[in-house]
C-alpha atoms as a PDB file:
ATOM      1  CA  MET A   1      92.025  90.226  99.095  1.00  0.00           C
ATOM      2  CA  ARG A   2      95.357  88.576  98.793  1.00  0.00           C
ATOM      3  CA  CYS A   3      95.569  85.244 100.410  1.00  0.00           C
ATOM      4  CA  ILE A   4      98.518  84.847 102.959  1.00  0.00           C
ATOM      5  CA  TRP A   5      97.539  81.418 104.276  1.00  0.00           C
ATOM      6  CA  TYR A   6      99.654  79.114 102.146  1.00  0.00           C
ATOM      7  CA  PRO A   7     102.281  78.580 104.706  1.00  0.00           C
ATOM      8  CA  ILE A   8      99.925  77.705 107.516  1.00  0.00           C
ATOM      9  CA  LEU A   9      98.289  74.937 105.201  1.00  0.00           C
ATOM     10  CA  ILE A  10     101.687  73.283 105.001  1.00  0.00           C
ATOM     11  CA  LEU A  11     101.155  71.994 108.597  1.00  0.00           C
ATOM     12  CA  LEU A  12      98.711  69.425 107.374  1.00  0.00           C
ATOM     13  CA  LEU A  13     100.263  68.846 103.925  1.00  0.00           C
ATOM     14  CA  ALA A  14     103.243  66.956 104.966  1.00  0.00           C
ATOM     15  CA  ALA A  15     103.609  63.448 103.545  1.00  0.00           C
ATOM     16  CA  GLN A  16     105.407  62.296 106.749  1.00  0.00           C
ATOM     17  CA  CYS A  17     104.664  63.341 110.221  1.00  0.00           C
ATOM     18  CA  VAL A  18     107.464  62.813 112.814  1.00  0.00           C
ATOM     19  CA  ASN A  19     106.058  63.088 116.277  1.00  0.00           C
ATOM     20  CA  ALA A  20     108.280  64.214 119.053  1.00  0.00           C
ATOM     21  CA  ASP A  21     107.703  63.263 122.680  1.00  0.00           C
ATOM     22  CA  VAL A  22     105.373  65.702 124.387  1.00  0.00           C
ATOM     23  CA  LYS A  23     104.889  66.437 127.968  1.00  0.00           C
ATOM     24  CA  GLY A  24     102.248  68.095 130.110  1.00  0.00           C
ATOM     25  CA  PRO A  25      98.975  68.836 128.482  1.00  0.00           C
ATOM     26  CA  ASN A  26      99.826  66.893 125.352  1.00  0.00           C
ATOM     27  CA  GLU A  27     100.302  63.479 126.843  1.00  0.00           C
ATOM     28  CA  PRO A  28     100.401  60.600 124.350  1.00  0.00           C
ATOM     29  CA  ASN A  29      97.481  58.836 125.788  1.00  0.00           C
ATOM     30  CA  ASP A  30      95.210  61.896 125.728  1.00  0.00           C
ATOM     31  CA  PRO A  31      92.765  61.349 122.807  1.00  0.00           C
ATOM     32  CA  ASN A  32      91.891  65.028 122.898  1.00  0.00           C
ATOM     33  CA  GLY A  33      95.399  66.385 123.073  1.00  0.00           C
ATOM     34  CA  PRO A  34      96.531  69.111 120.570  1.00  0.00           C
ATOM     35  CA  LYS A  35      99.269  66.855 118.992  1.00  0.00           C
ATOM     36  CA  GLU A  36      96.775  64.034 118.613  1.00  0.00           C
ATOM     37  CA  LEU A  37      94.150  66.429 116.966  1.00  0.00           C
ATOM     38  CA  LEU A  38      96.567  67.537 114.344  1.00  0.00           C
ATOM     39  CA  GLN A  39      97.721  64.098 113.582  1.00  0.00           C
ATOM     40  CA  ALA A  40      94.098  62.739 113.360  1.00  0.00           C
ATOM     41  CA  LYS A  41      93.116  65.656 111.048  1.00  0.00           C
ATOM     42  CA  TRP A  42      96.222  64.901 108.822  1.00  0.00           C
ATOM     43  CA  ASP A  43      95.303  61.132 108.568  1.00  0.00           C
ATOM     44  CA  ALA A  44      91.809  62.032 107.547  1.00  0.00           C
ATOM     45  CA  ILE A  45      92.931  64.486 104.967  1.00  0.00           C
ATOM     46  CA  LEU A  46      95.472  62.182 103.411  1.00  0.00           C
ATOM     47  CA  SER A  47      92.929  59.474 103.158  1.00  0.00           C
ATOM     48  CA  VAL A  48      90.603  61.788 101.210  1.00  0.00           C
ATOM     49  CA  ILE A  49      93.394  63.113  99.009  1.00  0.00           C
ATOM     50  CA  LYS A  50      94.443  59.438  98.135  1.00  0.00           C
ATOM     51  CA  LYS A  51      90.966  58.553  96.903  1.00  0.00           C
ATOM     52  CA  LYS A  52      91.115  57.473  93.247  1.00  0.00           C
ATOM     53  CA  ASP A  53      87.292  57.254  92.621  1.00  0.00           C
ATOM     54  CA  THR A  54      86.405  60.803  93.880  1.00  0.00           C
ATOM     55  CA  ASP A  55      86.515  63.935  91.944  1.00  0.00           C
ATOM     56  CA  GLN A  56      88.323  67.232  92.980  1.00  0.00           C
ATOM     57  CA  GLN A  57      85.219  69.034  94.027  1.00  0.00           C
ATOM     58  CA  ALA A  58      83.962  66.197  96.173  1.00  0.00           C
ATOM     59  CA  LYS A  59      87.468  65.903  97.755  1.00  0.00           C
ATOM     60  CA  GLU A  60      87.408  69.614  98.669  1.00  0.00           C
ATOM     61  CA  GLU A  61      84.155  69.308 100.156  1.00  0.00           C
ATOM     62  CA  GLU A  62      85.324  66.361 102.315  1.00  0.00           C
ATOM     63  CA  VAL A  63      88.535  68.217 103.514  1.00  0.00           C
ATOM     64  CA  THR A  64      86.304  71.309 104.208  1.00  0.00           C
ATOM     65  CA  LYS A  65      84.322  69.258 106.709  1.00  0.00           C
ATOM     66  CA  ILE A  66      87.465  67.785 108.200  1.00  0.00           C
ATOM     67  CA  VAL A  67      89.396  71.050 108.841  1.00  0.00           C
ATOM     68  CA  SER A  68      86.522  73.432 109.755  1.00  0.00           C
ATOM     69  CA  PRO A  69      86.239  72.015 113.369  1.00  0.00           C
ATOM     70  CA  ILE A  70      89.911  72.647 114.306  1.00  0.00           C
ATOM     71  CA  PHE A  71      89.720  76.417 114.066  1.00  0.00           C
ATOM     72  CA  ASP A  72      88.235  78.725 116.662  1.00  0.00           C
ATOM     73  CA  PHE A  73      86.708  81.266 114.207  1.00  0.00           C
ATOM     74  CA  GLN A  74      85.000  83.314 116.784  1.00  0.00           C
ATOM     75  CA  VAL A  75      88.195  84.075 118.566  1.00  0.00           C
ATOM     76  CA  MET A  76      90.125  84.287 115.443  1.00  0.00           C
ATOM     77  CA  ALA A  77      87.610  86.920 114.152  1.00  0.00           C
ATOM     78  CA  GLN A  78      88.025  88.946 117.224  1.00  0.00           C
ATOM     79  CA  LEU A  79      91.711  88.956 117.151  1.00  0.00           C
ATOM     80  CA  ALA A  80      91.905  89.780 113.548  1.00  0.00           C
ATOM     81  CA  LEU A  81      89.881  92.882 114.040  1.00  0.00           C
ATOM     82  CA  GLY A  82      91.455  93.673 117.316  1.00  0.00           C
ATOM     83  CA  ARG A  83      90.291  95.859 120.324  1.00  0.00           C
ATOM     84  CA  THR A  84      90.270  98.909 118.216  1.00  0.00           C
ATOM     85  CA  HIS A  85      87.682  97.724 115.719  1.00  0.00           C
ATOM     86  CA  TRP A  86      85.775  94.686 117.141  1.00  0.00           C
ATOM     87  CA  PRO A  87      83.769  96.964 119.675  1.00  0.00           C
ATOM     88  CA  LYS A  88      82.686  99.176 116.705  1.00  0.00           C
ATOM     89  CA  PHE A  89      80.905  96.341 115.014  1.00  0.00           C
ATOM     90  CA  THR A  90      77.193  95.659 115.834  1.00  0.00           C
ATOM     91  CA  PRO A  91      76.201  92.089 116.724  1.00  0.00           C
ATOM     92  CA  SER A  92      74.917  91.356 113.328  1.00  0.00           C
ATOM     93  CA  GLN A  93      78.069  92.848 111.670  1.00  0.00           C
ATOM     94  CA  ARG A  94      80.301  90.676 113.863  1.00  0.00           C
ATOM     95  CA  GLU A  95      78.301  87.569 112.938  1.00  0.00           C
ATOM     96  CA  GLN A  96      78.573  88.587 109.330  1.00  0.00           C
ATOM     97  CA  PHE A  97      82.288  89.193 109.613  1.00  0.00           C
ATOM     98  CA  THR A  98      82.962  85.992 111.450  1.00  0.00           C
ATOM     99  CA  GLU A  99      81.138  83.956 108.894  1.00  0.00           C
ATOM    100  CA  LEU A 100      82.853  85.550 105.837  1.00  0.00           C
ATOM    101  CA  PHE A 101      86.268  85.293 107.523  1.00  0.00           C
ATOM    102  CA  ALA A 102      85.793  81.786 108.385  1.00  0.00           C
ATOM    103  CA  GLU A 103      84.574  81.002 104.675  1.00  0.00           C
ATOM    104  CA  ARG A 104      87.673  82.689 103.264  1.00  0.00           C
ATOM    105  CA  LEU A 105      90.078  80.832 105.537  1.00  0.00           C
ATOM    106  CA  VAL A 106      88.530  77.440 105.013  1.00  0.00           C
ATOM    107  CA  HIS A 107      88.226  78.031 101.278  1.00  0.00           C
ATOM    108  CA  SER A 108      92.053  78.975 101.157  1.00  0.00           C
ATOM    109  CA  TYR A 109      93.021  76.005 103.421  1.00  0.00           C
ATOM    110  CA  THR A 110      90.997  73.551 101.370  1.00  0.00           C
ATOM    111  CA  ARG A 111      92.366  74.590  97.973  1.00  0.00           C
ATOM    112  CA  LYS A 112      95.875  74.595  99.140  1.00  0.00           C
ATOM    113  CA  VAL A 113      95.714  71.296 101.116  1.00  0.00           C
ATOM    114  CA  MET A 114      95.031  69.582  97.736  1.00  0.00           C
ATOM    115  CA  LEU A 115      98.632  70.649  96.802  1.00  0.00           C
ATOM    116  CA  TYR A 116      99.946  67.854  99.006  1.00  0.00           C
ATOM    117  CA  THR A 117     103.573  66.973  98.568  1.00  0.00           C
ATOM    118  CA  ASN A 118     106.317  65.037 100.264  1.00  0.00           C
ATOM    119  CA  GLU A 119     107.599  67.302 102.948  1.00  0.00           C
ATOM    120  CA  THR A 120     108.482  65.990 106.443  1.00  0.00           C
ATOM    121  CA  ILE A 121     107.075  67.759 109.326  1.00  0.00           C
ATOM    122  CA  LEU A 122     108.217  67.500 113.051  1.00  0.00           C
ATOM    123  CA  PHE A 123     105.902  68.335 116.006  1.00  0.00           C
ATOM    124  CA  LYS A 124     108.129  69.352 118.904  1.00  0.00           C
ATOM    125  CA  ASN A 125     107.364  69.446 122.654  1.00  0.00           C
ATOM    126  CA  ALA A 126     104.097  71.312 123.477  1.00  0.00           C
ATOM    127  CA  VAL A 127     104.740  74.446 125.561  1.00  0.00           C
ATOM    128  CA  PRO A 128     102.049  75.392 128.054  1.00  0.00           C
ATOM    129  CA  LYS A 129     101.590  79.105 128.087  1.00  0.00           C
ATOM    130  CA  LYS A 130      98.600  80.251 130.092  1.00  0.00           C
ATOM    131  CA  GLU A 131      95.713  78.153 131.556  1.00  0.00           C
ATOM    132  CA  ARG A 132      93.980  76.421 128.586  1.00  0.00           C
ATOM    133  CA  ILE A 133      96.546  77.806 126.215  1.00  0.00           C
ATOM    134  CA  ILE A 134      99.257  75.718 124.536  1.00  0.00           C
ATOM    135  CA  TYR A 135     101.848  76.336 121.793  1.00  0.00           C
ATOM    136  CA  ILE A 136     103.198  73.571 119.534  1.00  0.00           C
ATOM    137  CA  PRO A 137     106.597  74.294 117.719  1.00  0.00           C
ATOM    138  CA  VAL A 138     106.656  72.750 114.284  1.00  0.00           C
ATOM    139  CA  GLU A 139     109.605  72.300 111.767  1.00  0.00           C
ATOM    140  CA  LEU A 140     108.675  71.700 108.177  1.00  0.00           C
ATOM    141  CA  VAL A 141     111.650  70.220 106.400  1.00  0.00           C
ATOM    142  CA  SER A 142     111.997  69.832 102.554  1.00  0.00           C
ATOM    143  CA  LYS A 143     115.057  69.090 100.458  1.00  0.00           C
ATOM    144  CA  ASP A 144     116.571  72.513 100.647  1.00  0.00           C
ATOM    145  CA  LYS A 145     114.996  74.456 103.466  1.00  0.00           C
ATOM    146  CA  LYS A 146     113.435  74.310 106.899  1.00  0.00           C
ATOM    147  CA  ILE A 147     110.469  76.397 108.023  1.00  0.00           C
ATOM    148  CA  ASN A 148     109.735  77.097 111.667  1.00  0.00           C
ATOM    149  CA  MET A 149     106.074  77.331 112.796  1.00  0.00           C
ATOM    150  CA  LEU A 150     104.325  77.875 115.896  1.00  0.00           C
ATOM    151  CA  TYR A 151     100.690  76.543 116.342  1.00  0.00           C
ATOM    152  CA  LYS A 152      98.739  78.108 118.933  1.00  0.00           C
ATOM    153  CA  LEU A 153      95.806  76.313 120.549  1.00  0.00           C
ATOM    154  CA  ARG A 154      93.294  76.969 123.362  1.00  0.00           C
ATOM    155  CA  LYS A 155      90.946  74.605 124.988  1.00  0.00           C
ATOM    156  CA  THR A 156      87.357  75.728 124.671  1.00  0.00           C
ATOM    157  CA  GLY A 157      84.473  75.260 127.086  1.00  0.00           C
ATOM    158  CA  PRO A 158      84.425  74.229 130.833  1.00  0.00           C
ATOM    159  CA  PRO A 159      85.581  72.058 132.235  1.00  0.00           C
ATOM    160  CA  LYS A 160      86.820  69.708 129.397  1.00  0.00           C
ATOM    161  CA  GLY A 161      86.680  71.372 125.904  1.00  0.00           C
ATOM    162  CA  ASP A 162      88.195  70.832 122.551  1.00  0.00           C
ATOM    163  CA  TRP A 163      91.428  72.067 121.438  1.00  0.00           C
ATOM    164  CA  LYS A 164      91.185  74.615 118.769  1.00  0.00           C
ATOM    165  CA  THR A 165      93.641  76.735 116.777  1.00  0.00           C
ATOM    166  CA  TYR A 166      93.419  80.420 117.099  1.00  0.00           C
ATOM    167  CA  ASP A 167      96.716  81.526 115.451  1.00  0.00           C
ATOM    168  CA  VAL A 168      99.808  80.235 113.615  1.00  0.00           C
ATOM    169  CA  GLU A 169     103.301  81.971 113.457  1.00  0.00           C
ATOM    170  CA  ILE A 170     105.426  81.322 110.342  1.00  0.00           C
ATOM    171  CA  GLN A 171     108.943  82.092 110.854  1.00  0.00           C
ATOM    172  CA  GLY A 172     108.011  84.417 113.681  1.00  0.00           C
ATOM    173  CA  VAL A 173     105.274  86.188 111.787  1.00  0.00           C
ATOM    174  CA  SER A 174     101.709  85.869 113.177  1.00  0.00           C
ATOM    175  CA  ILE A 175      99.122  84.979 110.546  1.00  0.00           C
ATOM    176  CA  LEU A 176      96.414  86.974 112.580  1.00  0.00           C
ATOM    177  CA  LEU A 177      98.398  89.991 113.105  1.00  0.00           C
ATOM    178  CA  THR A 178      99.137  90.042 109.348  1.00  0.00           C
ATOM    179  CA  TYR A 179      95.323  89.906 108.654  1.00  0.00           C
ATOM    180  CA  ARG A 180      94.834  92.582 111.413  1.00  0.00           C
ATOM    181  CA  ALA A 181      97.059  94.913 109.606  1.00  0.00           C
ATOM    182  CA  GLN A 182      95.124  94.462 106.305  1.00  0.00           C
ATOM    183  CA  PHE A 183      91.711  94.914 108.094  1.00  0.00           C
ATOM    184  CA  ASP A 184      93.073  97.934 109.886  1.00  0.00           C
ATOM    185  CA  ASP A 185      94.105  99.589 106.707  1.00  0.00           C
ATOM    186  CA  ILE A 186      90.743  99.013 105.130  1.00  0.00           C
ATOM    187  CA  LEU A 187      88.876 100.347 108.153  1.00  0.00           C
ATOM    188  CA  ARG A 188      91.049 103.311 108.661  1.00  0.00           C
ATOM    189  CA  ASN A 189      90.482 104.389 105.011  1.00  0.00           C
ATOM    190  CA  GLY A 190      86.936 103.060 104.578  1.00  0.00           C
ATOM    191  CA  THR A 191      83.994 101.719 106.491  1.00  0.00           C
ATOM    192  CA  ILE A 192      82.841  98.393 107.983  1.00  0.00           C
ATOM    193  CA  LYS A 193      80.684  97.999 105.032  1.00  0.00           C
ATOM    194  CA  ASP A 194      83.735  98.244 102.716  1.00  0.00           C
ATOM    195  CA  LEU A 195      85.517  95.447 104.666  1.00  0.00           C
ATOM    196  CA  LEU A 196      82.443  93.199 104.569  1.00  0.00           C
ATOM    197  CA  SER A 197      82.075  93.911 100.825  1.00  0.00           C
ATOM    198  CA  GLN A 198      85.681  92.791 100.223  1.00  0.00           C
ATOM    199  CA  LEU A 199      85.480  89.728 102.211  1.00  0.00           C
ATOM    200  CA  GLY A 200      82.270  88.812 100.413  1.00  0.00           C
ATOM    201  CA  LYS A 201      84.037  88.790  97.102  1.00  0.00           C
ATOM    202  CA  PRO A 202      85.068  85.357  95.687  1.00  0.00           C
ATOM    203  CA  PRO A 203      88.422  84.488  97.203  1.00  0.00           C
ATOM    204  CA  GLU A 204      91.518  84.096  95.071  1.00  0.00           C
ATOM    205  CA  SER A 205      92.402  80.608  94.276  1.00  0.00           C
END
């Protein structure tokens, strides 16, 4: 299955992070705020990438451990299948799909994050949407272009949970909706087994 995740990975691939003032649920002193979460993950990833005494495979394993907790794979899996297909899956199929989907996303993320270059990233003011939902507009600036992204996060668990990412828009295009279209096409022309089989294949580098 063709990988479409390169743009989302850029969010944590910037060489320089420029933090805008953020109001509301993303206060500067909130250690669990979404902006602080992304910044901390970036710092950790950069420290791994810069290691000179660690081979590539070991670095990828370290990065995988760093990035996996920031995604809400359960919610992402449900949204990727949508209301049309998720109810058709048995509990065991849902579990298998979520696991395979998460593995594919993390693998893609980890491989691309190692392509780190010197882009500059600007985190804009967080935008509260619904209760426990927040959007963070982001601009990625390179020498000849600017890419607009929108990071979508939700706070999990009562009453104080963790901020986790459940979708990202790149230039107005939702990553999850793109995956949903792919999965919908497979399921309309095949079976759940076909989809799980494709997800189970080794992902493209």
